[in-house]
Structures are given as structure tokens and as C-alpha cells.
Amino acid sequence: MVTGLFPEAEREAVLSLLERSVVFLTVDNIEKVLLGQMWLHTAWSLANLYLSSVGAKLLGPEAPSLLGLSEETTCYVSAEYFADHGRFNDFVIHEAAHVFHNWKRRNTGLRETRTREWLLDIEFRKCETFAYACEGYGWILGNARSRQDRVSMGLGYAETVDRFSDEVLDAAELASIVREACEARNGWKVILRRCAAEKRSRREVLALLMEGPR
């Protein structure tokens, strides 16, 4: 995903960011992680996430059954991530996609300009579409043995989008993006192009600010 979405000169910085942003909970780090939380509810959820991964009793009947948890700019993942959770599902890829549009370039050591503030400039209303498209396409790439397999899985993905009925996204558009990505040589570029923020001129931006909220 990093290779497909970022130029070669930026990949090392982005990978370094992901190493800090994605934390797998293990017996070696769980205590430090829990003690480092600002909010008790987050610590409680992470404790249950870890306990579930080792088959231990959870901290009460209302404890959530989670595969992972995102808190601000960090994504916590349990060892259960490595089990098979069904077609097109990959929690880490999904959350990494959100990292890309939530982090500013300057926070990763990359040069920031007036027109390039974020790692990836994704249209706000398409943030979930982008994350789910990355997740679905990433799963397909990891499981397809050939381009024909990839295209076939892309068509199969379209049959599953009804599960996104409660999400803030256009399911038909999501299916179309993943299908086009599977047909392309570099599907990551397709996803980025179709979810990118609309480029506006300085005059257009000033006009929108003068209009105020609608």
C-alpha cells in the first residue's frame, strides 16, 4: 500500500510513521500501553482487547468484542488479527488508510507546502470510502494469484457492499472504485484519484470563505 500510494522518496518516512501508529498488543507491552493511557475507558477497552486475544475472561459482561481499537493517532491491534476474519476484511490496512489522511506531512519529517499539507489529501466525505477501498483492495492483492483472480474478486466485492448500509459512504461508489482498482495496473493510484480532495483555486477558496456556512 505504501509503495502504491507514495513516491519512493517518501516511503521510508511513511513506514516509520506506521511503525509508531500501529501497536500490536502482546504480553511484553500490554502493561506499558495500559499505564500510558490518558483515559480510563480507553485503558479498559484495551485491557479487554488483550484479554480476548489470549482467551481470558473479560472485565465484565458489557466488555466489547474487538479486533482492534483506534485512539487519536494510534491503532491498537490484538493477536487475533492474524486469524481469518473473512473475505475483504483487514483492520490494519483500514486504519493505516485513515492515518494517511489524518497526519500532516510536517509531523512525519516530510516537506509541507501550501498545497500539500497532509500525507494524502482525501476528500472529507470520502474518508471512509478511501479506508474501505484500501482494505478491500489490499485483501484482494494479498489473496489473488493472478490478474484474472484479482478482477474476479473485484466483481465479487461488489456483491458484499450491502454490509455498508450503516456507514457514511456511497456503497455503489465504493464497489466501483474497488472494481476499477482491480482492473488497473496500479489499483492504489485508482483509489487515490477517485477519493482525492477537489482542487480549488485561491479565488474559489476565498469565495467559499466569504459565503460562510450554508
C-alpha atoms as a PDB file:
ATOM      1  CA  MET A   1       0.000   0.000   0.000  1.00  0.00           C
ATOM      2  CA  VAL A   2       2.776   2.448   0.877  1.00  0.00           C
ATOM      3  CA  THR A   3       4.609   1.594  -2.355  1.00  0.00           C
ATOM      4  CA  GLY A   4       1.461   2.149  -4.384  1.00  0.00           C
ATOM      5  CA  LEU A   5       0.360   5.415  -2.777  1.00  0.00           C
ATOM      6  CA  PHE A   6       3.625   7.278  -2.148  1.00  0.00           C
ATOM      7  CA  PRO A   7       6.684   8.192  -4.232  1.00  0.00           C
ATOM      8  CA  GLU A   8       9.869   6.313  -3.426  1.00  0.00           C
ATOM      9  CA  ALA A   9      11.488   9.298  -1.686  1.00  0.00           C
ATOM     10  CA  GLU A  10       8.658   9.419   0.904  1.00  0.00           C
ATOM     11  CA  ARG A  11       8.139   5.728   1.650  1.00  0.00           C
ATOM     12  CA  GLU A  12      10.723   5.384   4.424  1.00  0.00           C
ATOM     13  CA  ALA A  13       9.179   8.269   6.394  1.00  0.00           C
ATOM     14  CA  VAL A  14       5.669   6.877   5.930  1.00  0.00           C
ATOM     15  CA  LEU A  15       6.690   3.375   7.014  1.00  0.00           C
ATOM     16  CA  SER A  16       8.376   4.850  10.081  1.00  0.00           C
ATOM     17  CA  LEU A  17       5.115   6.619  10.915  1.00  0.00           C
ATOM     18  CA  LEU A  18       3.150   3.380  10.617  1.00  0.00           C
ATOM     19  CA  GLU A  19       5.601   1.632  12.920  1.00  0.00           C
ATOM     20  CA  ARG A  20       4.694   4.207  15.570  1.00  0.00           C
ATOM     21  CA  SER A  21       0.997   4.371  14.778  1.00  0.00           C
ATOM     22  CA  VAL A  22       0.156   0.641  14.676  1.00  0.00           C
ATOM     23  CA  VAL A  23       0.705  -1.155  18.001  1.00  0.00           C
ATOM     24  CA  PHE A  24       0.200  -4.902  18.389  1.00  0.00           C
ATOM     25  CA  LEU A  25      -0.739  -5.773  21.972  1.00  0.00           C
ATOM     26  CA  THR A  26       1.473  -8.508  23.439  1.00  0.00           C
ATOM     27  CA  VAL A  27       2.409  -9.856  26.836  1.00  0.00           C
ATOM     28  CA  ASP A  28       5.584  -7.754  26.624  1.00  0.00           C
ATOM     29  CA  ASN A  29       3.941  -4.369  26.095  1.00  0.00           C
ATOM     30  CA  ILE A  30       0.381  -4.551  27.469  1.00  0.00           C
ATOM     31  CA  GLU A  31       1.270  -3.142  30.908  1.00  0.00           C
ATOM     32  CA  LYS A  32       3.165  -0.183  29.468  1.00  0.00           C
ATOM     33  CA  VAL A  33       0.357   0.513  26.991  1.00  0.00           C
ATOM     34  CA  LEU A  34      -2.343   0.494  29.680  1.00  0.00           C
ATOM     35  CA  LEU A  35      -0.379   2.708  32.067  1.00  0.00           C
ATOM     36  CA  GLY A  36       0.262   5.185  29.277  1.00  0.00           C
ATOM     37  CA  GLN A  37      -3.407   5.844  28.519  1.00  0.00           C
ATOM     38  CA  MET A  38      -4.906   9.223  29.394  1.00  0.00           C
ATOM     39  CA  TRP A  39      -8.498   7.947  29.590  1.00  0.00           C
ATOM     40  CA  LEU A  40      -9.667   5.100  31.837  1.00  0.00           C
ATOM     41  CA  HIS A  41     -12.259   3.984  29.291  1.00  0.00           C
ATOM     42  CA  THR A  42      -9.561   3.547  26.657  1.00  0.00           C
ATOM     43  CA  ALA A  43      -7.421   1.534  29.077  1.00  0.00           C
ATOM     44  CA  TRP A  44     -10.444  -0.618  29.945  1.00  0.00           C
ATOM     45  CA  SER A  45     -11.187  -1.296  26.261  1.00  0.00           C
ATOM     46  CA  LEU A  46      -7.549  -2.123  25.520  1.00  0.00           C
ATOM     47  CA  ALA A  47      -7.390  -4.461  28.515  1.00  0.00           C
ATOM     48  CA  ASN A  48     -10.430  -6.326  27.185  1.00  0.00           C
ATOM     49  CA  LEU A  49      -8.941  -6.373  23.703  1.00  0.00           C
ATOM     50  CA  TYR A  50      -5.822  -8.075  25.057  1.00  0.00           C
ATOM     51  CA  LEU A  51      -7.704 -10.465  27.363  1.00  0.00           C
ATOM     52  CA  SER A  52      -9.870 -11.607  24.464  1.00  0.00           C
ATOM     53  CA  SER A  53      -6.797 -12.338  22.348  1.00  0.00           C
ATOM     54  CA  VAL A  54      -5.381 -14.714  24.977  1.00  0.00           C
ATOM     55  CA  GLY A  55      -8.691 -16.414  25.740  1.00  0.00           C
ATOM     56  CA  ALA A  56      -9.013 -14.888  29.221  1.00  0.00           C
ATOM     57  CA  LYS A  57     -12.172 -13.696  30.967  1.00  0.00           C
ATOM     58  CA  LEU A  58     -13.191 -10.160  30.040  1.00  0.00           C
ATOM     59  CA  LEU A  59     -13.731  -7.351  32.549  1.00  0.00           C
ATOM     60  CA  GLY A  60     -17.497  -7.579  32.746  1.00  0.00           C
ATOM     61  CA  PRO A  61     -20.473  -8.656  30.603  1.00  0.00           C
ATOM     62  CA  GLU A  62     -20.574  -5.302  28.803  1.00  0.00           C
ATOM     63  CA  ALA A  63     -16.969  -5.626  27.585  1.00  0.00           C
ATOM     64  CA  PRO A  64     -16.792  -5.196  23.788  1.00  0.00           C
ATOM     65  CA  SER A  65     -15.538  -7.910  21.470  1.00  0.00           C
ATOM     66  CA  LEU A  66     -12.923  -6.105  19.404  1.00  0.00           C
ATOM     67  CA  LEU A  67     -10.245  -6.965  16.883  1.00  0.00           C
ATOM     68  CA  GLY A  68      -8.608  -3.570  17.238  1.00  0.00           C
ATOM     69  CA  LEU A  69      -9.121  -0.075  18.547  1.00  0.00           C
ATOM     70  CA  SER A  70      -8.112   3.318  17.206  1.00  0.00           C
ATOM     71  CA  GLU A  71      -7.472   6.155  19.642  1.00  0.00           C
ATOM     72  CA  GLU A  72      -6.452   9.525  18.209  1.00  0.00           C
ATOM     73  CA  THR A  73      -3.422   8.760  16.001  1.00  0.00           C
ATOM     74  CA  THR A  74      -2.676   5.249  17.299  1.00  0.00           C
ATOM     75  CA  CYS A  75      -4.186   1.955  16.167  1.00  0.00           C
ATOM     76  CA  TYR A  76      -4.065  -0.925  18.682  1.00  0.00           C
ATOM     77  CA  VAL A  77      -4.385  -4.459  17.328  1.00  0.00           C
ATOM     78  CA  SER A  78      -4.692  -7.818  19.096  1.00  0.00           C
ATOM     79  CA  ALA A  79      -3.063 -11.094  18.074  1.00  0.00           C
ATOM     80  CA  GLU A  80      -6.468 -12.211  16.804  1.00  0.00           C
ATOM     81  CA  TYR A  81      -5.774 -10.036  13.781  1.00  0.00           C
ATOM     82  CA  PHE A  82      -3.742 -12.919  12.351  1.00  0.00           C
ATOM     83  CA  ALA A  83      -6.746 -15.252  12.356  1.00  0.00           C
ATOM     84  CA  ASP A  84      -9.021 -15.496   9.324  1.00  0.00           C
ATOM     85  CA  HIS A  85     -11.823 -12.946   9.670  1.00  0.00           C
ATOM     86  CA  GLY A  86     -13.452 -13.385   6.296  1.00  0.00           C
ATOM     87  CA  ARG A  87     -13.188 -12.025   2.784  1.00  0.00           C
ATOM     88  CA  PHE A  88     -12.115  -8.439   2.189  1.00  0.00           C
ATOM     89  CA  ASN A  89     -11.510  -7.675   5.894  1.00  0.00           C
ATOM     90  CA  ASP A  90      -8.211  -6.188   7.098  1.00  0.00           C
ATOM     91  CA  PHE A  91      -8.390  -3.915  10.148  1.00  0.00           C
ATOM     92  CA  VAL A  92      -4.766  -2.745   9.926  1.00  0.00           C
ATOM     93  CA  ILE A  93      -4.988  -1.649   6.290  1.00  0.00           C
ATOM     94  CA  HIS A  94      -8.241   0.170   7.043  1.00  0.00           C
ATOM     95  CA  GLU A  95      -6.767   2.108   9.967  1.00  0.00           C
ATOM     96  CA  ALA A  96      -3.488   2.781   8.156  1.00  0.00           C
ATOM     97  CA  ALA A  97      -5.518   4.415   5.399  1.00  0.00           C
ATOM     98  CA  HIS A  98      -7.006   6.781   7.992  1.00  0.00           C
ATOM     99  CA  VAL A  99      -3.501   7.569   9.278  1.00  0.00           C
ATOM    100  CA  PHE A 100      -2.556   8.768   5.801  1.00  0.00           C
ATOM    101  CA  HIS A 101      -5.218  11.466   5.647  1.00  0.00           C
ATOM    102  CA  ASN A 102      -5.124  12.379   9.366  1.00  0.00           C
ATOM    103  CA  TRP A 103      -1.391  13.119   9.630  1.00  0.00           C
ATOM    104  CA  LYS A 104       0.259  16.263   8.356  1.00  0.00           C
ATOM    105  CA  ARG A 105       3.420  15.941   6.311  1.00  0.00           C
ATOM    106  CA  ARG A 106       5.480  18.016   8.751  1.00  0.00           C
ATOM    107  CA  ASN A 107       4.766  15.502  11.534  1.00  0.00           C
ATOM    108  CA  THR A 108       6.494  12.778   9.541  1.00  0.00           C
ATOM    109  CA  GLY A 109       9.546  14.819   8.585  1.00  0.00           C
ATOM    110  CA  LEU A 110       8.333  15.455   5.032  1.00  0.00           C
ATOM    111  CA  ARG A 111       8.314  18.888   3.442  1.00  0.00           C
ATOM    112  CA  GLU A 112       4.995  20.686   3.675  1.00  0.00           C
ATOM    113  CA  THR A 113       3.819  23.276   1.168  1.00  0.00           C
ATOM    114  CA  ARG A 114       0.755  25.470   0.819  1.00  0.00           C
ATOM    115  CA  THR A 115      -0.883  22.888  -1.428  1.00  0.00           C
ATOM    116  CA  ARG A 116       0.491  19.774   0.280  1.00  0.00           C
ATOM    117  CA  GLU A 117      -0.358  19.821   3.982  1.00  0.00           C
ATOM    118  CA  TRP A 118      -1.494  16.227   4.581  1.00  0.00           C
ATOM    119  CA  LEU A 119       0.193  12.938   3.703  1.00  0.00           C
ATOM    120  CA  LEU A 120      -2.719  12.246   1.367  1.00  0.00           C
ATOM    121  CA  ASP A 121      -5.280  14.889   0.530  1.00  0.00           C
ATOM    122  CA  ILE A 122      -8.538  12.916   0.682  1.00  0.00           C
ATOM    123  CA  GLU A 123     -11.982  14.451   0.223  1.00  0.00           C
ATOM    124  CA  PHE A 124     -13.516  14.678   3.704  1.00  0.00           C
ATOM    125  CA  ARG A 125     -16.767  12.965   2.767  1.00  0.00           C
ATOM    126  CA  LYS A 126     -14.786  10.139   1.165  1.00  0.00           C
ATOM    127  CA  CYS A 127     -12.537   9.298   4.122  1.00  0.00           C
ATOM    128  CA  GLU A 128     -14.420   6.091   4.966  1.00  0.00           C
ATOM    129  CA  THR A 129     -14.765   5.224   1.290  1.00  0.00           C
ATOM    130  CA  PHE A 130     -10.994   5.563   0.949  1.00  0.00           C
ATOM    131  CA  ALA A 131     -10.317   3.377   4.003  1.00  0.00           C
ATOM    132  CA  TYR A 132     -12.725   0.635   2.941  1.00  0.00           C
ATOM    133  CA  ALA A 133     -11.451   0.710  -0.640  1.00  0.00           C
ATOM    134  CA  CYS A 134      -7.877   0.295   0.601  1.00  0.00           C
ATOM    135  CA  GLU A 135      -8.978  -2.515   2.909  1.00  0.00           C
ATOM    136  CA  GLY A 136     -10.874  -4.422   0.230  1.00  0.00           C
ATOM    137  CA  TYR A 137      -8.282  -3.937  -2.491  1.00  0.00           C
ATOM    138  CA  GLY A 138      -5.419  -4.767  -0.102  1.00  0.00           C
ATOM    139  CA  TRP A 139      -7.119  -8.033   0.880  1.00  0.00           C
ATOM    140  CA  ILE A 140      -7.643  -8.898  -2.775  1.00  0.00           C
ATOM    141  CA  LEU A 141      -3.988  -8.234  -3.642  1.00  0.00           C
ATOM    142  CA  GLY A 142      -2.895 -10.495  -0.805  1.00  0.00           C
ATOM    143  CA  ASN A 143      -5.121 -13.358  -1.913  1.00  0.00           C
ATOM    144  CA  ALA A 144      -5.287 -13.157  -5.715  1.00  0.00           C
ATOM    145  CA  ARG A 145      -2.878 -15.381  -7.640  1.00  0.00           C
ATOM    146  CA  SER A 146      -3.282 -13.642 -10.981  1.00  0.00           C
ATOM    147  CA  ARG A 147      -4.815 -10.593 -12.622  1.00  0.00           C
ATOM    148  CA  GLN A 148      -7.790 -12.718 -13.581  1.00  0.00           C
ATOM    149  CA  ASP A 149      -8.271 -13.672  -9.917  1.00  0.00           C
ATOM    150  CA  ARG A 150      -7.996 -10.012  -8.956  1.00  0.00           C
ATOM    151  CA  VAL A 151     -10.625  -8.900 -11.456  1.00  0.00           C
ATOM    152  CA  SER A 152     -12.946 -11.730 -10.399  1.00  0.00           C
ATOM    153  CA  MET A 153     -12.572 -10.816  -6.724  1.00  0.00           C
ATOM    154  CA  GLY A 154     -13.237  -7.184  -7.563  1.00  0.00           C
ATOM    155  CA  LEU A 155     -16.556  -8.190  -9.073  1.00  0.00           C
ATOM    156  CA  GLY A 156     -17.260 -10.358  -6.020  1.00  0.00           C
ATOM    157  CA  TYR A 157     -16.561  -7.415  -3.736  1.00  0.00           C
ATOM    158  CA  ALA A 158     -19.462  -5.535  -5.307  1.00  0.00           C
ATOM    159  CA  GLU A 159     -21.820  -8.244  -4.024  1.00  0.00           C
ATOM    160  CA  THR A 160     -20.833  -7.509  -0.416  1.00  0.00           C
ATOM    161  CA  VAL A 161     -21.300  -3.734  -0.252  1.00  0.00           C
ATOM    162  CA  ASP A 162     -24.781  -4.011   1.263  1.00  0.00           C
ATOM    163  CA  ARG A 163     -22.978  -4.526   4.601  1.00  0.00           C
ATOM    164  CA  PHE A 164     -22.005  -0.841   4.470  1.00  0.00           C
ATOM    165  CA  SER A 165     -25.598   0.373   4.644  1.00  0.00           C
ATOM    166  CA  ASP A 166     -24.986   1.918   8.082  1.00  0.00           C
ATOM    167  CA  GLU A 167     -21.745   3.616   7.049  1.00  0.00           C
ATOM    168  CA  VAL A 168     -21.415   7.224   5.895  1.00  0.00           C
ATOM    169  CA  LEU A 169     -20.465   6.357   2.346  1.00  0.00           C
ATOM    170  CA  ASP A 170     -21.857   5.550  -1.080  1.00  0.00           C
ATOM    171  CA  ALA A 171     -21.732   1.746  -1.302  1.00  0.00           C
ATOM    172  CA  ALA A 172     -22.155   1.706  -5.075  1.00  0.00           C
ATOM    173  CA  GLU A 173     -19.279   4.168  -5.474  1.00  0.00           C
ATOM    174  CA  LEU A 174     -17.105   2.043  -3.175  1.00  0.00           C
ATOM    175  CA  ALA A 175     -17.818  -1.079  -5.243  1.00  0.00           C
ATOM    176  CA  SER A 176     -16.993   0.831  -8.421  1.00  0.00           C
ATOM    177  CA  ILE A 177     -13.673   2.069  -7.014  1.00  0.00           C
ATOM    178  CA  VAL A 178     -12.545  -1.389  -5.916  1.00  0.00           C
ATOM    179  CA  ARG A 179     -13.622  -2.934  -9.219  1.00  0.00           C
ATOM    180  CA  GLU A 180     -11.679  -0.330 -11.222  1.00  0.00           C
ATOM    181  CA  ALA A 181      -8.649  -0.741  -8.940  1.00  0.00           C
ATOM    182  CA  CYS A 182      -8.629  -4.496  -9.538  1.00  0.00           C
ATOM    183  CA  GLU A 183      -8.653  -3.954 -13.297  1.00  0.00           C
ATOM    184  CA  ALA A 184      -5.802  -1.421 -13.230  1.00  0.00           C
ATOM    185  CA  ARG A 185      -2.059  -1.980 -13.207  1.00  0.00           C
ATOM    186  CA  ASN A 186      -1.711   0.106 -10.022  1.00  0.00           C
ATOM    187  CA  GLY A 187      -5.016  -0.034  -8.182  1.00  0.00           C
ATOM    188  CA  TRP A 188      -3.742   2.142  -5.327  1.00  0.00           C
ATOM    189  CA  LYS A 189      -3.449   5.096  -7.714  1.00  0.00           C
ATOM    190  CA  VAL A 190      -7.031   4.497  -8.838  1.00  0.00           C
ATOM    191  CA  ILE A 191      -8.263   4.618  -5.236  1.00  0.00           C
ATOM    192  CA  LEU A 192      -6.262   7.771  -4.541  1.00  0.00           C
ATOM    193  CA  ARG A 193      -7.512   9.502  -7.696  1.00  0.00           C
ATOM    194  CA  ARG A 194     -11.145   8.719  -7.045  1.00  0.00           C
ATOM    195  CA  CYS A 195     -11.028   9.760  -3.378  1.00  0.00           C
ATOM    196  CA  ALA A 196      -8.769  12.807  -3.707  1.00  0.00           C
ATOM    197  CA  ALA A 197      -9.959  16.182  -2.492  1.00  0.00           C
ATOM    198  CA  GLU A 198     -11.170  18.532  -5.168  1.00  0.00           C
ATOM    199  CA  LYS A 199      -8.507  21.033  -6.139  1.00  0.00           C
ATOM    200  CA  ARG A 200      -9.696  24.608  -5.811  1.00  0.00           C
ATOM    201  CA  SER A 201      -8.035  27.828  -6.850  1.00  0.00           C
ATOM    202  CA  ARG A 202      -7.163  30.521  -4.317  1.00  0.00           C
ATOM    203  CA  ARG A 203     -10.058  32.616  -5.655  1.00  0.00           C
ATOM    204  CA  GLU A 204     -12.516  29.727  -5.171  1.00  0.00           C
ATOM    205  CA  VAL A 205     -11.349  29.134  -1.599  1.00  0.00           C
ATOM    206  CA  LEU A 206     -11.750  32.821  -0.724  1.00  0.00           C
ATOM    207  CA  ALA A 207     -15.216  32.841  -2.286  1.00  0.00           C
ATOM    208  CA  LEU A 208     -16.276  29.863  -0.181  1.00  0.00           C
ATOM    209  CA  LEU A 209     -14.958  31.509   2.992  1.00  0.00           C
ATOM    210  CA  MET A 210     -16.888  34.689   2.217  1.00  0.00           C
ATOM    211  CA  GLU A 211     -20.089  32.714   1.710  1.00  0.00           C
ATOM    212  CA  GLY A 212     -19.845  31.295   5.212  1.00  0.00           C
ATOM    213  CA  PRO A 213     -21.702  28.180   6.420  1.00  0.00           C
ATOM    214  CA  ARG A 214     -24.740  27.077   4.448  1.00  0.00           C
END
